[in-house]
Protein backbone atom coordinates (compact mmCIF):
# COMPACT_ATOMS: atom_id res chain seq x y z
CA MET A 1 21.60 -45.04 -1.97
CA SER A 2 25.23 -46.30 -2.83
CA PRO A 3 28.44 -44.21 -1.75
CA ALA A 4 28.73 -43.35 -5.50
CA ASP A 5 25.28 -41.34 -5.42
CA LEU A 6 26.20 -39.40 -2.43
CA PRO A 7 27.38 -35.67 -3.59
CA THR A 8 30.48 -34.58 -2.69
CA SER A 9 31.32 -31.73 -0.46
CA LYS A 10 31.81 -29.46 -3.47
CA GLU A 11 28.24 -30.08 -4.49
CA LEU A 12 26.80 -29.78 -1.38
CA LEU A 13 28.82 -26.70 -1.28
CA ARG A 14 27.35 -25.23 -4.51
CA GLN A 15 23.77 -26.60 -2.90
CA GLU A 16 23.98 -23.97 -0.17
CA TYR A 17 25.27 -21.29 -2.01
CA VAL A 18 22.25 -21.83 -4.72
CA GLY A 19 20.36 -21.95 -1.46
CA ARG A 20 21.29 -18.58 -0.09
CA ILE A 21 21.47 -16.65 -3.38
CA ASN A 22 17.58 -17.54 -3.97
CA ARG A 23 16.73 -16.26 -0.58
CA VAL A 24 18.24 -13.08 -1.58
CA ILE A 25 16.58 -13.46 -4.68
CA ASP A 26 13.09 -13.38 -2.78
CA TYR A 27 13.96 -10.66 -0.44
CA ILE A 28 14.37 -8.56 -3.48
CA ASP A 29 11.04 -9.79 -5.16
CA GLU A 30 9.26 -8.67 -1.56
CA ASN A 31 11.30 -5.42 -1.45
CA ILE A 32 11.30 -4.03 -5.11
CA ASP A 33 9.80 -1.09 -4.51
CA THR A 34 12.64 0.02 -1.98
CA GLU A 35 16.29 0.68 -1.45
CA LEU A 36 18.14 -2.85 -1.67
CA THR A 37 21.34 -1.84 -0.29
CA LEU A 38 24.01 -4.65 -0.72
CA GLU A 39 24.97 -4.51 3.43
CA THR A 40 21.10 -5.57 3.59
CA LEU A 41 21.24 -8.27 0.69
CA ALA A 42 24.89 -9.47 2.00
CA ARG A 43 23.19 -10.06 5.44
CA VAL A 44 20.01 -11.96 4.20
CA ALA A 45 22.50 -14.12 2.00
CA ASN A 46 25.04 -14.37 5.19
CA PHE A 47 27.89 -13.36 2.88
CA SER A 48 29.94 -10.80 3.07
CA ARG A 49 29.72 -8.03 0.35
CA PHE A 50 32.61 -9.03 -1.64
CA HIS A 51 31.62 -12.62 -1.79
CA LEU A 52 27.74 -12.63 -2.49
CA HIS A 53 28.60 -9.84 -5.71
CA ARG A 54 30.97 -13.02 -6.56
CA ILE A 55 28.75 -15.68 -5.92
CA PHE A 56 25.78 -14.17 -7.21
CA SER A 57 27.19 -13.52 -10.26
CA ALA A 58 28.56 -16.69 -10.78
CA LEU A 59 25.00 -18.60 -9.73
CA VAL A 60 22.67 -16.24 -11.70
CA GLY A 61 25.26 -15.10 -14.76
CA GLU A 62 23.74 -11.25 -14.22
CA THR A 63 25.71 -8.73 -11.65
CA LEU A 64 23.74 -8.42 -8.61
CA ASN A 65 22.81 -4.31 -9.72
CA GLY A 66 22.36 -5.53 -13.25
CA PHE A 67 19.78 -8.17 -11.53
CA VAL A 68 17.55 -5.69 -9.62
CA ARG A 69 17.58 -3.23 -12.43
CA ARG A 70 16.55 -5.77 -14.74
CA LEU A 71 13.50 -7.05 -12.21
CA ARG A 72 12.27 -3.17 -11.88
CA LEU A 73 12.38 -2.25 -15.62
CA GLU A 74 10.21 -5.57 -16.35
CA ALA A 75 7.58 -4.91 -13.33
CA ALA A 76 7.32 -1.41 -14.60
CA ALA A 77 6.88 -2.54 -18.07
CA SER A 78 4.23 -4.80 -16.65
CA MET A 79 2.44 -1.91 -15.10
CA LEU A 80 2.62 0.02 -18.15
CA ILE A 81 0.12 -2.38 -19.74
CA ALA A 82 -1.67 -3.23 -16.79
CA HIS A 83 -2.31 0.07 -15.63
CA PRO A 84 -2.94 2.48 -18.66
CA LYS A 85 -4.12 5.63 -16.59
CA GLU A 86 -0.94 5.58 -14.25
CA THR A 87 1.73 7.99 -15.38
CA ILE A 88 4.73 7.08 -16.09
CA THR A 89 6.68 8.73 -13.56
CA ARG A 90 4.56 6.78 -10.79
CA ILE A 91 5.13 3.94 -12.17
CA ALA A 92 8.37 3.82 -12.05
CA LEU A 93 8.53 5.07 -8.22
CA ALA A 94 6.58 2.41 -7.41
CA CYS A 95 9.45 0.40 -9.16
CA GLY A 96 11.95 1.55 -6.72
CA PHE A 97 13.74 4.19 -9.28
CA SER A 98 14.69 7.07 -7.83
CA SER A 99 13.58 9.94 -10.77
CA SER A 100 11.83 9.64 -13.76
CA ALA A 101 15.00 10.79 -15.61
CA GLY A 102 16.75 7.79 -14.15
CA PHE A 103 14.21 5.47 -15.17
CA ALA A 104 13.44 7.00 -18.52
CA GLY A 105 17.06 6.23 -19.91
CA SER A 106 17.13 2.61 -18.20
CA PHE A 107 14.14 1.53 -19.83
CA SER A 108 15.39 2.85 -23.35
CA GLU A 109 18.89 0.79 -22.98
CA HIS A 110 16.58 -2.05 -21.55
CA PHE A 111 13.76 -2.38 -24.46
CA GLY A 112 15.05 -0.11 -27.21
CA MET A 113 12.13 1.97 -26.83
CA SER A 114 10.81 4.93 -24.53
CA ALA A 115 8.48 3.64 -21.73
CA SER A 116 5.69 5.52 -23.94
CA THR A 117 5.81 4.06 -27.04
CA PHE A 118 6.50 0.86 -25.44
CA ARG A 119 2.87 1.18 -23.44
CA GLN A 120 0.94 1.78 -26.85
CA ARG A 121 2.30 -0.80 -28.74
CA ARG A 122 1.83 -3.30 -26.15
CA ARG A 123 -1.65 -2.64 -25.82
CA ARG A 124 -2.51 -3.53 -28.65
CA HIS A 125 -2.31 -6.97 -27.48
CA PHE A 126 -4.39 -6.76 -24.40
CA PRO A 127 -7.82 -7.07 -24.70
CA ALA A 128 -9.85 -3.78 -23.55
CA GLY A 129 -11.75 -5.64 -20.89
CA ARG A 130 -8.58 -6.17 -19.29
CA LEU A 131 -7.31 -3.32 -18.53
CA ASN A 132 -10.48 -1.42 -17.20
CA ASN A 133 -9.37 0.25 -14.11
CA SER A 134 -12.26 2.73 -14.07
CA LYS A 135 -13.10 1.73 -10.09
CA ILE A 136 -9.68 1.24 -8.29
CA GLY A 137 -8.95 2.64 -5.16
CA LYS A 138 -5.54 3.92 -4.16
CA THR A 139 -4.04 2.27 -1.06
CA GLU A 140 -0.91 3.50 0.69
CA SER A 141 2.14 1.05 -0.20
CA LYS A 142 4.49 0.06 2.95
CA THR A 143 6.99 2.47 1.76
CA GLY A 144 4.79 5.39 2.22
CA LYS A 145 4.42 5.68 -1.63
CA ALA A 146 0.46 5.75 -3.30
CA SER A 147 0.87 1.81 -4.70
CA LEU A 148 -0.49 1.35 -7.86
CA PRO A 149 -3.91 0.13 -8.39
CA SER A 150 -4.60 -3.52 -9.90
CA PRO A 151 -6.09 -3.53 -13.07
CA TYR A 152 -7.75 -7.35 -12.40
CA TYR A 153 -11.64 -7.24 -11.52
CA ILE A 154 -13.79 -9.68 -10.81
CA ASP A 155 -17.60 -10.70 -10.44
CA GLU A 156 -18.54 -12.19 -7.29
CA ARG A 157 -20.55 -15.27 -9.34
CA ASN A 158 -19.27 -18.47 -9.75
CA ILE A 159 -19.05 -18.84 -13.84
CA ASN A 160 -18.31 -22.09 -16.17
CA PHE A 161 -16.78 -22.05 -19.32
CA LYS A 162 -16.56 -24.48 -21.96
CA GLY A 163 -13.89 -23.41 -24.55
CA ARG A 164 -10.58 -25.25 -25.27
CA PHE A 165 -11.24 -26.46 -21.93
CA GLU A 166 -14.31 -27.00 -19.53
CA MET A 167 -12.72 -24.13 -17.03
CA LYS A 168 -14.83 -23.16 -13.64
CA VAL A 169 -13.73 -20.24 -12.22
CA GLU A 170 -15.13 -18.57 -8.68
CA VAL A 171 -13.84 -16.17 -6.29
CA LYS A 172 -12.17 -17.72 -2.97
CA GLU A 173 -10.65 -16.38 0.44
CA MET A 174 -7.34 -18.40 0.12
CA PRO A 175 -5.50 -18.86 3.65
CA GLU A 176 -1.38 -18.05 3.42
CA MET A 177 0.40 -21.10 2.72
CA TYR A 178 3.76 -21.92 4.25
CA VAL A 179 5.99 -24.02 1.59
CA ALA A 180 9.30 -25.48 0.91
CA TYR A 181 10.35 -24.95 -2.95
CA TYR A 182 13.04 -25.89 -5.77
CA ARG A 183 13.48 -22.94 -8.11
CA HIS A 184 13.78 -23.66 -12.06
CA VAL A 185 14.94 -20.52 -14.15
CA GLY A 186 14.49 -20.93 -17.77
CA SER A 187 11.33 -22.12 -20.35
CA TYR A 188 8.27 -22.77 -17.73
CA SER A 189 8.35 -26.10 -19.54
CA GLY A 190 10.87 -26.91 -17.82
CA VAL A 191 9.45 -26.76 -13.87
CA GLY A 192 8.42 -30.97 -13.88
CA GLU A 193 12.33 -31.23 -13.09
CA ALA A 194 11.78 -29.50 -10.34
CA PHE A 195 8.96 -31.23 -8.91
CA ASP A 196 11.11 -34.24 -9.03
CA LYS A 197 14.16 -32.83 -7.28
CA LEU A 198 11.73 -31.83 -4.49
CA MET A 199 9.58 -34.88 -3.90
CA ARG A 200 12.63 -36.58 -3.88
CA TRP A 201 13.76 -34.11 -0.92
CA ALA A 202 10.08 -34.33 0.93
CA GLY A 203 9.30 -37.90 0.67
CA PRO A 204 12.06 -39.53 2.64
CA ARG A 205 11.71 -36.50 5.71
CA GLY A 206 7.99 -37.30 5.72
CA LEU A 207 6.36 -34.13 4.49
CA LEU A 208 3.95 -35.92 1.65
CA GLN A 209 1.35 -36.19 3.53
CA PHE A 210 -1.84 -36.16 1.04
CA PRO A 211 -4.52 -34.98 0.84
CA LYS A 212 -3.12 -32.53 3.52
CA THR A 213 -0.17 -31.92 1.64
CA ARG A 214 -0.70 -29.70 -1.64
CA MET A 215 1.67 -29.03 -4.35
CA LEU A 216 1.92 -25.92 -5.86
CA GLY A 217 3.73 -24.34 -9.15
CA VAL A 218 4.70 -20.32 -9.00
CA TYR A 219 5.27 -18.58 -11.83
CA HIS A 220 7.36 -15.48 -10.96
CA ASP A 221 7.67 -13.40 -14.53
CA ASP A 222 5.85 -12.62 -16.90
CA PRO A 223 6.86 -14.96 -20.56
CA GLU A 224 5.91 -11.84 -22.78
CA ILE A 225 8.74 -9.48 -21.49
CA THR A 226 11.44 -11.61 -19.29
CA ASP A 227 13.35 -13.88 -21.35
CA PRO A 228 12.60 -17.33 -21.59
CA SER A 229 16.35 -18.53 -20.69
CA ARG A 230 15.36 -15.96 -17.44
CA LEU A 231 12.05 -17.07 -16.66
CA ARG A 232 11.81 -18.25 -12.62
CA SER A 233 9.27 -20.63 -11.53
CA SER A 234 9.09 -22.81 -8.19
CA ALA A 235 7.89 -26.21 -7.91
CA CYS A 236 6.32 -26.08 -4.20
CA VAL A 237 4.96 -28.50 -1.60
CA THR A 238 2.87 -27.12 1.67
CA VAL A 239 5.12 -28.06 5.19
CA PRO A 240 4.57 -26.70 8.45
CA GLU A 241 5.96 -23.52 9.40
CA GLY A 242 9.15 -23.81 10.69
CA THR A 243 10.55 -26.57 8.53
CA GLU A 244 14.07 -26.75 8.25
CA VAL A 245 15.51 -26.70 4.55
CA ASP A 246 19.14 -26.95 3.56
CA GLY A 247 20.83 -26.87 0.02
CA GLU A 248 18.89 -26.03 -2.94
CA ILE A 249 15.60 -26.63 -0.99
CA GLY A 250 14.38 -22.86 -0.02
CA ALA A 251 11.22 -22.07 2.18
CA MET A 252 8.79 -19.04 1.69
CA THR A 253 5.14 -17.83 2.37
CA VAL A 254 2.67 -18.08 -0.66
CA PRO A 255 0.34 -14.98 0.82
CA GLY A 256 -3.14 -15.38 1.69
CA GLY A 257 -6.05 -13.16 0.85
CA ARG A 258 -9.21 -13.02 -2.07
CA PHE A 259 -7.86 -15.06 -5.28
CA ALA A 260 -10.20 -15.59 -8.64
CA VAL A 261 -9.25 -19.26 -8.95
CA ALA A 262 -9.61 -21.16 -12.25
CA SER A 263 -10.22 -25.10 -11.80
CA PHE A 264 -9.81 -27.18 -15.11
CA GLU A 265 -8.17 -31.19 -15.52
CA ILE A 266 -5.47 -31.06 -18.10
CA ASN A 267 -2.02 -32.68 -18.53
CA HIS A 268 1.57 -30.83 -17.86
CA GLU A 269 1.87 -29.83 -21.13
CA GLN A 270 -1.47 -27.85 -21.45
CA PHE A 271 -1.16 -25.48 -19.11
CA GLY A 272 0.14 -22.62 -21.30
CA GLU A 273 -3.46 -23.17 -23.06
CA ALA A 274 -5.40 -23.02 -20.17
CA TRP A 275 -3.86 -19.95 -18.68
CA ASP A 276 -4.49 -18.48 -21.93
CA GLU A 277 -7.97 -19.82 -22.08
CA LEU A 278 -8.40 -17.91 -18.36
CA MET A 279 -6.97 -14.54 -19.52
CA GLY A 280 -8.36 -14.58 -22.95
CA LYS A 281 -11.53 -15.26 -22.35
CA TRP A 282 -12.78 -14.90 -18.81
CA LEU A 283 -11.00 -12.21 -17.36
CA PRO A 284 -11.69 -9.84 -20.27
CA GLU A 285 -15.32 -10.54 -20.01
CA ILE A 286 -15.32 -9.42 -16.47
CA ARG A 287 -16.22 -5.60 -15.74
CA GLN A 288 -17.08 -5.25 -12.60
CA GLY A 289 -16.43 -6.09 -8.85
CA GLU A 290 -13.39 -5.69 -6.56
CA ALA A 291 -9.99 -5.54 -7.53
CA LEU A 292 -7.46 -8.53 -7.70
CA ARG A 293 -3.55 -8.34 -6.58
CA GLY A 294 -1.47 -7.77 -9.28
CA SER A 295 1.23 -5.34 -10.90
CA GLY A 296 0.66 -6.64 -14.71
CA PHE A 297 1.50 -10.17 -14.79
CA PRO A 298 -0.64 -11.85 -12.37
CA ARG A 299 1.74 -14.58 -10.51
CA SER A 300 0.17 -18.17 -11.27
CA PHE A 301 -0.17 -20.98 -8.52
CA CYS A 302 -0.89 -24.17 -10.49
CA SER A 303 -2.19 -26.61 -7.95
CA LYS A 304 -1.82 -30.49 -8.63
CA HIS A 305 -5.04 -32.48 -7.59
CA PRO A 306 -4.56 -34.01 -4.05
CA GLU A 307 -5.98 -37.45 -5.55
CA GLN A 308 -3.40 -37.54 -8.16
CA SER A 309 -0.56 -35.88 -6.62
CA LEU A 310 0.96 -38.80 -4.31
CA PRO A 311 4.59 -39.00 -5.46
CA VAL A 312 6.11 -40.50 -2.28
CA GLN A 313 9.77 -41.80 -2.55
CA HIS A 314 9.56 -44.81 -0.24
CA GLY A 315 7.83 -48.03 -0.70
CA GLY A 316 6.29 -49.73 -3.96
CA GLN A 317 3.94 -47.33 -5.09
CA ALA A 318 6.63 -44.64 -5.85
CA GLU A 319 6.06 -45.50 -9.42
CA GLU A 320 2.48 -45.62 -9.87
CA ASN A 321 1.75 -42.96 -7.59
CA GLN A 322 4.26 -40.46 -9.96
CA ARG A 323 2.38 -41.40 -13.01
CA LYS A 324 -0.95 -40.40 -11.34
CA ALA A 325 0.65 -37.06 -10.48
CA ASP A 326 2.09 -36.74 -14.04
CA GLN A 327 -1.30 -37.99 -15.72
CA HIS A 328 -3.65 -34.99 -14.73
CA ILE A 329 -3.25 -31.83 -12.84
CA ARG A 330 -5.81 -29.69 -11.36
CA SER A 331 -4.60 -26.09 -12.16
CA GLY A 332 -5.63 -22.81 -10.25
CA GLY A 333 -4.73 -20.10 -12.33
CA LEU A 334 -4.61 -17.28 -9.27
CA ILE A 335 -4.39 -13.88 -8.97
CA SER A 336 -4.79 -12.50 -5.05
CA LYS A 337 -5.94 -8.81 -4.41
CA GLN A 338 -4.14 -5.97 -4.53
CA LYS A 339 -1.61 -5.86 -1.38
CA SER A 340 -2.17 -2.54 0.45
């Protein structure tokens, strides 16, 4: 790398700020049902309260309060569809709103209709099987409020589907995974660039040790609800816990648990079709089994096939390995069990 290719001090500072803001966003995601004080979020970012407000708005394009409010409303919108038998008040409280009246006003302002109208209109687009929650058990959340049940049911069978793609679906106990990530904001089709940047960071640090290393794509938002320009996805690679990250590279834990896993071989342009195959054909046909975690939109984890994911960043094989990684993806649409 020539001196001209090295980032400037201004760019390094920007990358550091992006990393800190991503830590705040991760914290908000994990604690969306709790009170999120400015003091706590500033401590997570290691900023003063004033600087957190200013830098968050500059980098995210939304105020901090507006961002938290939007995520809560979008989570509630997903839950209104996925939990048709739950009361709107219960959903509002589960998403961090202090009262049903406050939620009602915010929801109408954001979506242009009441929560009940939204639920009625959107439910017409969801298969009945996906919404079956007659056997759901109630659990207590970490905040003491009753957490909402999951609508996702699975059979204990392994099932093969031959639709647009040949797909095998099975139920697995998946381990917790510690990952380094590079976050992409925008259309989910653009996450490939995030993988490129992540690999350029991980390769020289000796963190790519295939087949032990796994590459994951985590999709955080429901594209049917969130504006495409604000969809969040994370290109991830498993790393040893405690691995130091810097700049725009963050670290997080992908939770373990019981998952529905769909496997199929696709190219990078076919993930959306494969996901539709899973959600539109497999999930609606499942009528019994155990609930899986998911408050509406199930976060998906796309795992590249170990034999194909070899984009090391040094040596003569780099270009060939990147070509192989781009050719095929072993995609696993994972929906984890209900969090207790």
